[in-house]
Amino acid sequence: MNALFVEDIKQIISQQQEAWNRADAAGFSQYCDASVSFTNILGKVYFGRNLFDERHADIFSSIFNGSALNLSIQRIHFPNPDVAIVDLCAAVTNYRALPPGIKVPEDGVLLTSLMQVFIRTESGWRMVAYHNVDIKN
């Protein structure tokens, strides 16, 4: 696959991590497509960039205020040149609390398995799906 496309995706993931660590919801959602599908770690599904942005603004001002995110890319797969499926391991530390039903890990690191799906458009890569689940011990 085109090495430039891989670097584009890596840059987006890096920018997402930096935006989370600044508690910048608008920055975190900047690559979302207007109709993005978003499943959070509780299994709640939302549709649209506005809701993605709102949900992250809410958590950045509450339970994840001051938290630190580390995104580790496990795989970038291009089923065709205009679609990228990105599998990530997300590690969150320094959170204030976790959502109801999510157990605090012994080491304090919340680990999730995150899948993001991007499509390549005339204006660049846009995230069309974001599916996040917590990893159980």
N, C-alpha and C. Protein backbone atom coordinates (compact mmCIF):
# COMPACT_ATOMS: atom_id res chain seq x y z
N MET A 1 0.85 -1.18 0.00
CA MET A 1 0.00 0.00 0.00
C MET A 1 0.89 1.24 0.00
N ASN A 2 0.35 2.28 -0.47
CA ASN A 2 1.05 3.55 -0.58
C ASN A 2 1.57 3.99 0.79
N ALA A 3 2.89 4.14 0.91
CA ALA A 3 3.49 4.55 2.18
C ALA A 3 3.00 5.92 2.63
N LEU A 4 2.66 6.78 1.68
CA LEU A 4 2.14 8.10 2.02
C LEU A 4 0.81 7.98 2.76
N PHE A 5 -0.05 7.05 2.33
CA PHE A 5 -1.34 6.85 3.01
C PHE A 5 -1.13 6.38 4.45
N VAL A 6 -0.17 5.49 4.64
CA VAL A 6 0.14 4.99 5.99
C VAL A 6 0.59 6.16 6.86
N GLU A 7 1.47 6.99 6.34
CA GLU A 7 1.94 8.14 7.11
C GLU A 7 0.81 9.12 7.41
N ASP A 8 -0.09 9.32 6.45
CA ASP A 8 -1.26 10.19 6.69
C ASP A 8 -2.07 9.69 7.88
N ILE A 9 -2.34 8.40 7.90
CA ILE A 9 -3.14 7.81 8.98
C ILE A 9 -2.39 7.90 10.31
N LYS A 10 -1.10 7.61 10.30
CA LYS A 10 -0.31 7.72 11.54
C LYS A 10 -0.34 9.14 12.09
N GLN A 11 -0.29 10.12 11.20
CA GLN A 11 -0.34 11.52 11.62
C GLN A 11 -1.68 11.87 12.25
N ILE A 12 -2.76 11.37 11.68
CA ILE A 12 -4.09 11.61 12.24
C ILE A 12 -4.19 11.01 13.64
N ILE A 13 -3.73 9.78 13.81
CA ILE A 13 -3.77 9.12 15.12
C ILE A 13 -2.94 9.90 16.13
N SER A 14 -1.78 10.37 15.72
CA SER A 14 -0.94 11.18 16.60
C SER A 14 -1.65 12.47 17.01
N GLN A 15 -2.31 13.11 16.06
CA GLN A 15 -3.04 14.34 16.36
C GLN A 15 -4.22 14.08 17.29
N GLN A 16 -4.87 12.92 17.13
CA GLN A 16 -5.96 12.56 18.05
C GLN A 16 -5.42 12.41 19.48
N GLN A 17 -4.32 11.71 19.61
CA GLN A 17 -3.72 11.51 20.93
C GLN A 17 -3.37 12.85 21.57
N GLU A 18 -2.74 13.73 20.80
CA GLU A 18 -2.37 15.05 21.32
C GLU A 18 -3.60 15.85 21.72
N ALA A 19 -4.67 15.78 20.93
CA ALA A 19 -5.90 16.51 21.25
C ALA A 19 -6.53 15.98 22.54
N TRP A 20 -6.57 14.66 22.70
CA TRP A 20 -7.11 14.09 23.95
C TRP A 20 -6.31 14.61 25.13
N ASN A 21 -5.00 14.59 25.01
CA ASN A 21 -4.14 14.98 26.13
C ASN A 21 -4.21 16.47 26.44
N ARG A 22 -4.78 17.26 25.53
CA ARG A 22 -5.07 18.68 25.78
C ARG A 22 -6.53 18.89 26.20
N ALA A 23 -7.30 17.79 26.26
CA ALA A 23 -8.74 17.85 26.53
C ALA A 23 -9.43 18.73 25.49
N ASP A 24 -9.05 18.56 24.24
CA ASP A 24 -9.54 19.37 23.12
C ASP A 24 -10.51 18.54 22.28
N ALA A 25 -11.80 18.61 22.61
CA ALA A 25 -12.81 17.80 21.92
C ALA A 25 -12.87 18.14 20.44
N ALA A 26 -12.82 19.42 20.10
CA ALA A 26 -12.87 19.82 18.69
C ALA A 26 -11.67 19.28 17.93
N GLY A 27 -10.51 19.32 18.53
CA GLY A 27 -9.32 18.76 17.90
C GLY A 27 -9.40 17.25 17.76
N PHE A 28 -9.99 16.60 18.78
CA PHE A 28 -10.11 15.15 18.76
C PHE A 28 -11.06 14.70 17.65
N SER A 29 -12.07 15.52 17.36
CA SER A 29 -13.08 15.13 16.36
C SER A 29 -12.81 15.73 14.98
N GLN A 30 -11.72 16.44 14.80
CA GLN A 30 -11.52 17.19 13.56
C GLN A 30 -11.50 16.32 12.30
N TYR A 31 -11.14 15.06 12.40
CA TYR A 31 -11.11 14.20 11.21
C TYR A 31 -12.39 13.36 11.06
N CYS A 32 -13.38 13.60 11.92
CA CYS A 32 -14.64 12.86 11.82
C CYS A 32 -15.45 13.29 10.61
N ASP A 33 -16.03 12.32 9.95
CA ASP A 33 -17.00 12.60 8.92
C ASP A 33 -18.27 13.11 9.61
N ALA A 34 -19.05 13.90 8.92
CA ALA A 34 -20.28 14.45 9.50
C ALA A 34 -21.22 13.35 9.99
N SER A 35 -21.17 12.18 9.37
CA SER A 35 -22.09 11.09 9.73
C SER A 35 -21.39 9.94 10.46
N VAL A 36 -20.27 10.21 11.13
CA VAL A 36 -19.50 9.17 11.81
C VAL A 36 -20.39 8.32 12.72
N SER A 37 -20.08 7.03 12.77
CA SER A 37 -20.71 6.10 13.70
C SER A 37 -19.73 5.92 14.86
N PHE A 38 -20.22 6.13 16.09
CA PHE A 38 -19.36 6.13 17.27
C PHE A 38 -19.94 5.21 18.34
N THR A 39 -19.20 4.17 18.71
CA THR A 39 -19.59 3.28 19.80
C THR A 39 -18.58 3.48 20.93
N ASN A 40 -19.09 3.87 22.11
CA ASN A 40 -18.18 4.11 23.24
C ASN A 40 -17.94 2.83 24.03
N ILE A 41 -17.14 2.91 25.09
CA ILE A 41 -16.75 1.71 25.83
C ILE A 41 -17.90 1.07 26.58
N LEU A 42 -19.02 1.77 26.71
CA LEU A 42 -20.21 1.19 27.34
C LEU A 42 -21.13 0.54 26.32
N GLY A 43 -20.78 0.63 25.04
CA GLY A 43 -21.60 0.05 24.00
C GLY A 43 -22.69 0.98 23.50
N LYS A 44 -22.68 2.22 23.95
CA LYS A 44 -23.66 3.19 23.46
C LYS A 44 -23.23 3.67 22.08
N VAL A 45 -24.20 3.75 21.18
CA VAL A 45 -23.92 4.12 19.80
C VAL A 45 -24.49 5.51 19.53
N TYR A 46 -23.66 6.33 18.90
CA TYR A 46 -24.05 7.69 18.52
C TYR A 46 -23.72 7.86 17.04
N PHE A 47 -24.46 8.74 16.39
CA PHE A 47 -24.22 9.02 14.98
C PHE A 47 -24.02 10.51 14.79
N GLY A 48 -22.97 10.88 14.09
CA GLY A 48 -22.72 12.27 13.73
C GLY A 48 -21.57 12.88 14.49
N ARG A 49 -20.87 13.76 13.77
CA ARG A 49 -19.71 14.43 14.35
C ARG A 49 -20.09 15.30 15.54
N ASN A 50 -21.25 15.95 15.48
CA ASN A 50 -21.65 16.81 16.59
C ASN A 50 -21.77 16.02 17.89
N LEU A 51 -22.38 14.83 17.84
CA LEU A 51 -22.50 14.02 19.05
C LEU A 51 -21.15 13.48 19.49
N PHE A 52 -20.30 13.10 18.54
CA PHE A 52 -18.95 12.65 18.88
C PHE A 52 -18.21 13.75 19.63
N ASP A 53 -18.30 14.97 19.12
CA ASP A 53 -17.65 16.12 19.74
C ASP A 53 -18.26 16.41 21.11
N GLU A 54 -19.58 16.42 21.21
CA GLU A 54 -20.26 16.70 22.48
C GLU A 54 -19.91 15.68 23.55
N ARG A 55 -19.94 14.41 23.19
CA ARG A 55 -19.62 13.35 24.18
C ARG A 55 -18.19 13.51 24.69
N HIS A 56 -17.26 13.84 23.79
CA HIS A 56 -15.88 14.00 24.24
C HIS A 56 -15.70 15.28 25.06
N ALA A 57 -16.39 16.34 24.70
CA ALA A 57 -16.34 17.55 25.53
C ALA A 57 -16.85 17.25 26.93
N ASP A 58 -17.91 16.44 27.03
CA ASP A 58 -18.46 16.07 28.34
C ASP A 58 -17.44 15.29 29.17
N ILE A 59 -16.82 14.27 28.57
CA ILE A 59 -15.90 13.46 29.37
C ILE A 59 -14.60 14.19 29.67
N PHE A 60 -14.18 15.10 28.77
CA PHE A 60 -12.97 15.87 29.03
C PHE A 60 -13.18 16.86 30.17
N SER A 61 -14.42 17.25 30.43
CA SER A 61 -14.69 18.19 31.52
C SER A 61 -15.12 17.47 32.79
N SER A 62 -15.13 16.14 32.76
CA SER A 62 -15.57 15.40 33.95
C SER A 62 -14.62 14.24 34.23
N ILE A 63 -15.06 13.02 33.98
CA ILE A 63 -14.31 11.85 34.45
C ILE A 63 -12.92 11.70 33.82
N PHE A 64 -12.74 12.18 32.58
CA PHE A 64 -11.44 12.07 31.94
C PHE A 64 -10.67 13.39 31.93
N ASN A 65 -11.10 14.33 32.74
CA ASN A 65 -10.39 15.60 32.86
C ASN A 65 -9.00 15.33 33.42
N GLY A 66 -7.97 15.78 32.72
CA GLY A 66 -6.59 15.57 33.17
C GLY A 66 -6.02 14.21 32.82
N SER A 67 -6.77 13.40 32.08
CA SER A 67 -6.28 12.06 31.75
C SER A 67 -5.25 12.13 30.62
N ALA A 68 -4.54 11.03 30.48
CA ALA A 68 -3.53 10.91 29.42
C ALA A 68 -3.86 9.69 28.58
N LEU A 69 -3.83 9.88 27.26
CA LEU A 69 -4.12 8.80 26.31
C LEU A 69 -2.84 8.45 25.56
N ASN A 70 -2.61 7.14 25.43
CA ASN A 70 -1.52 6.65 24.59
C ASN A 70 -2.15 5.69 23.59
N LEU A 71 -2.06 6.03 22.31
CA LEU A 71 -2.60 5.19 21.23
C LEU A 71 -1.47 4.43 20.57
N SER A 72 -1.62 3.13 20.51
CA SER A 72 -0.63 2.26 19.88
C SER A 72 -1.28 1.56 18.69
N ILE A 73 -0.78 1.85 17.51
CA ILE A 73 -1.34 1.24 16.30
C ILE A 73 -0.91 -0.22 16.23
N GLN A 74 -1.91 -1.10 16.12
CA GLN A 74 -1.65 -2.53 15.99
C GLN A 74 -1.59 -2.94 14.52
N ARG A 75 -2.44 -2.28 13.71
CA ARG A 75 -2.50 -2.63 12.30
C ARG A 75 -3.21 -1.52 11.54
N ILE A 76 -2.73 -1.25 10.34
CA ILE A 76 -3.44 -0.41 9.39
C ILE A 76 -3.67 -1.27 8.16
N HIS A 77 -4.94 -1.47 7.83
CA HIS A 77 -5.30 -2.34 6.70
C HIS A 77 -6.09 -1.53 5.68
N PHE A 78 -5.70 -1.65 4.43
CA PHE A 78 -6.38 -0.96 3.33
C PHE A 78 -7.11 -2.00 2.48
N PRO A 79 -8.40 -2.26 2.74
CA PRO A 79 -9.12 -3.21 1.90
C PRO A 79 -9.27 -2.72 0.46
N ASN A 80 -9.20 -1.41 0.28
CA ASN A 80 -9.03 -0.80 -1.04
C ASN A 80 -8.31 0.53 -0.82
N PRO A 81 -7.79 1.16 -1.84
CA PRO A 81 -6.95 2.35 -1.64
C PRO A 81 -7.62 3.53 -0.95
N ASP A 82 -8.95 3.55 -0.93
CA ASP A 82 -9.66 4.69 -0.33
C ASP A 82 -10.27 4.38 1.03
N VAL A 83 -9.95 3.21 1.60
CA VAL A 83 -10.48 2.80 2.90
C VAL A 83 -9.34 2.30 3.76
N ALA A 84 -9.28 2.80 5.00
CA ALA A 84 -8.27 2.34 5.95
C ALA A 84 -8.97 1.89 7.23
N ILE A 85 -8.67 0.67 7.65
CA ILE A 85 -9.15 0.16 8.93
C ILE A 85 -7.96 0.16 9.87
N VAL A 86 -8.11 0.87 10.98
CA VAL A 86 -7.00 1.04 11.91
C VAL A 86 -7.37 0.39 13.24
N ASP A 87 -6.60 -0.62 13.63
CA ASP A 87 -6.77 -1.28 14.92
C ASP A 87 -5.74 -0.71 15.88
N LEU A 88 -6.24 -0.29 17.05
CA LEU A 88 -5.38 0.37 18.03
C LEU A 88 -5.58 -0.23 19.42
N CYS A 89 -4.56 -0.10 20.23
CA CYS A 89 -4.67 -0.32 21.66
C CYS A 89 -4.61 1.07 22.29
N ALA A 90 -5.62 1.40 23.08
CA ALA A 90 -5.66 2.70 23.75
C ALA A 90 -5.44 2.48 25.25
N ALA A 91 -4.55 3.25 25.83
CA ALA A 91 -4.27 3.17 27.26
C ALA A 91 -4.53 4.56 27.86
N VAL A 92 -5.41 4.59 28.86
CA VAL A 92 -5.77 5.86 29.50
C VAL A 92 -5.35 5.80 30.96
N THR A 93 -4.65 6.84 31.38
CA THR A 93 -4.21 6.96 32.78
C THR A 93 -4.64 8.33 33.31
N ASN A 94 -4.50 8.50 34.60
CA ASN A 94 -4.76 9.77 35.28
C ASN A 94 -6.20 10.25 35.16
N TYR A 95 -7.14 9.34 34.98
CA TYR A 95 -8.55 9.70 34.93
C TYR A 95 -9.06 9.94 36.34
N ARG A 96 -10.17 10.67 36.45
CA ARG A 96 -10.79 10.92 37.76
C ARG A 96 -11.66 9.76 38.20
N ALA A 97 -12.33 9.16 37.25
CA ALA A 97 -13.23 8.03 37.50
C ALA A 97 -13.45 7.32 36.18
N LEU A 98 -14.09 6.16 36.26
CA LEU A 98 -14.46 5.44 35.04
C LEU A 98 -15.98 5.37 34.96
N PRO A 99 -16.50 5.21 33.76
CA PRO A 99 -17.96 5.12 33.62
C PRO A 99 -18.52 3.94 34.43
N PRO A 100 -19.77 4.04 34.86
CA PRO A 100 -20.39 2.92 35.59
C PRO A 100 -20.30 1.63 34.78
N GLY A 101 -19.90 0.55 35.44
CA GLY A 101 -19.79 -0.74 34.78
C GLY A 101 -18.39 -1.06 34.28
N ILE A 102 -17.52 -0.08 34.26
CA ILE A 102 -16.13 -0.32 33.86
C ILE A 102 -15.30 -0.42 35.13
N LYS A 103 -14.64 -1.55 35.31
CA LYS A 103 -13.84 -1.79 36.51
C LYS A 103 -12.50 -1.07 36.42
N VAL A 104 -12.08 -0.53 37.55
CA VAL A 104 -10.76 0.09 37.62
C VAL A 104 -9.72 -1.04 37.63
N PRO A 105 -8.84 -1.05 36.64
CA PRO A 105 -7.81 -2.09 36.60
C PRO A 105 -6.86 -1.96 37.79
N GLU A 106 -6.27 -3.08 38.19
CA GLU A 106 -5.35 -3.08 39.34
C GLU A 106 -4.22 -2.08 39.16
N ASP A 107 -3.70 -1.99 37.93
CA ASP A 107 -2.58 -1.08 37.69
C ASP A 107 -3.04 0.35 37.37
N GLY A 108 -4.36 0.56 37.34
CA GLY A 108 -4.89 1.89 37.09
C GLY A 108 -4.91 2.31 35.63
N VAL A 109 -4.50 1.43 34.72
CA VAL A 109 -4.46 1.77 33.30
C VAL A 109 -5.70 1.17 32.63
N LEU A 110 -6.56 2.03 32.10
CA LEU A 110 -7.71 1.58 31.34
C LEU A 110 -7.23 1.24 29.93
N LEU A 111 -7.39 -0.02 29.55
CA LEU A 111 -7.00 -0.46 28.21
C LEU A 111 -8.26 -0.71 27.39
N THR A 112 -8.25 -0.21 26.16
CA THR A 112 -9.36 -0.48 25.26
C THR A 112 -8.83 -0.93 23.91
N SER A 113 -9.68 -1.66 23.23
CA SER A 113 -9.42 -2.05 21.86
C SER A 113 -10.25 -1.12 20.99
N LEU A 114 -9.60 -0.37 20.16
CA LEU A 114 -10.24 0.68 19.38
C LEU A 114 -10.05 0.40 17.89
N MET A 115 -11.16 0.47 17.16
CA MET A 115 -11.08 0.35 15.70
C MET A 115 -11.64 1.63 15.10
N GLN A 116 -10.85 2.22 14.19
CA GLN A 116 -11.31 3.39 13.45
C GLN A 116 -11.28 3.04 11.96
N VAL A 117 -12.31 3.49 11.27
CA VAL A 117 -12.40 3.27 9.83
C VAL A 117 -12.38 4.65 9.16
N PHE A 118 -11.48 4.80 8.19
CA PHE A 118 -11.32 6.05 7.46
C PHE A 118 -11.61 5.83 5.98
N ILE A 119 -12.15 6.87 5.35
CA ILE A 119 -12.27 6.87 3.89
C ILE A 119 -11.48 8.06 3.37
N ARG A 120 -10.91 7.88 2.19
CA ARG A 120 -10.15 8.97 1.57
C ARG A 120 -11.09 9.76 0.67
N THR A 121 -11.16 11.06 0.91
CA THR A 121 -12.02 11.95 0.15
C THR A 121 -11.15 13.01 -0.54
N GLU A 122 -11.78 13.87 -1.30
CA GLU A 122 -11.03 14.96 -1.95
C GLU A 122 -10.37 15.88 -0.93
N SER A 123 -10.96 15.98 0.27
CA SER A 123 -10.40 16.85 1.30
C SER A 123 -9.49 16.11 2.27
N GLY A 124 -9.21 14.83 1.99
CA GLY A 124 -8.32 14.06 2.85
C GLY A 124 -9.06 12.91 3.53
N TRP A 125 -8.40 12.28 4.49
CA TRP A 125 -8.96 11.14 5.20
C TRP A 125 -10.01 11.60 6.20
N ARG A 126 -11.16 10.90 6.23
CA ARG A 126 -12.25 11.20 7.15
C ARG A 126 -12.61 9.92 7.90
N MET A 127 -12.76 10.04 9.23
CA MET A 127 -13.15 8.89 10.03
C MET A 127 -14.66 8.70 9.93
N VAL A 128 -15.08 7.50 9.51
CA VAL A 128 -16.50 7.21 9.35
C VAL A 128 -17.02 6.26 10.42
N ALA A 129 -16.11 5.59 11.15
CA ALA A 129 -16.52 4.70 12.23
C ALA A 129 -15.45 4.69 13.31
N TYR A 130 -15.94 4.62 14.57
CA TYR A 130 -15.07 4.61 15.75
C TYR A 130 -15.72 3.66 16.73
N HIS A 131 -15.08 2.51 16.98
CA HIS A 131 -15.66 1.49 17.84
C HIS A 131 -14.66 1.16 18.94
N ASN A 132 -15.05 1.43 20.19
CA ASN A 132 -14.14 1.33 21.32
C ASN A 132 -14.73 0.39 22.38
N VAL A 133 -13.98 -0.62 22.80
CA VAL A 133 -14.42 -1.53 23.86
C VAL A 133 -13.30 -1.68 24.89
N ASP A 134 -13.69 -1.77 26.16
CA ASP A 134 -12.68 -1.95 27.19
C ASP A 134 -12.21 -3.40 27.17
N ILE A 135 -10.94 -3.58 27.50
CA ILE A 135 -10.35 -4.91 27.56
C ILE A 135 -10.53 -5.44 28.98
N LYS A 136 -11.19 -6.58 29.09
CA LYS A 136 -11.45 -7.18 30.40
C LYS A 136 -10.22 -7.95 30.85
N ASN A 137 -10.03 -7.98 32.16
CA ASN A 137 -8.90 -8.76 32.72
C ASN A 137 -9.15 -10.24 32.54
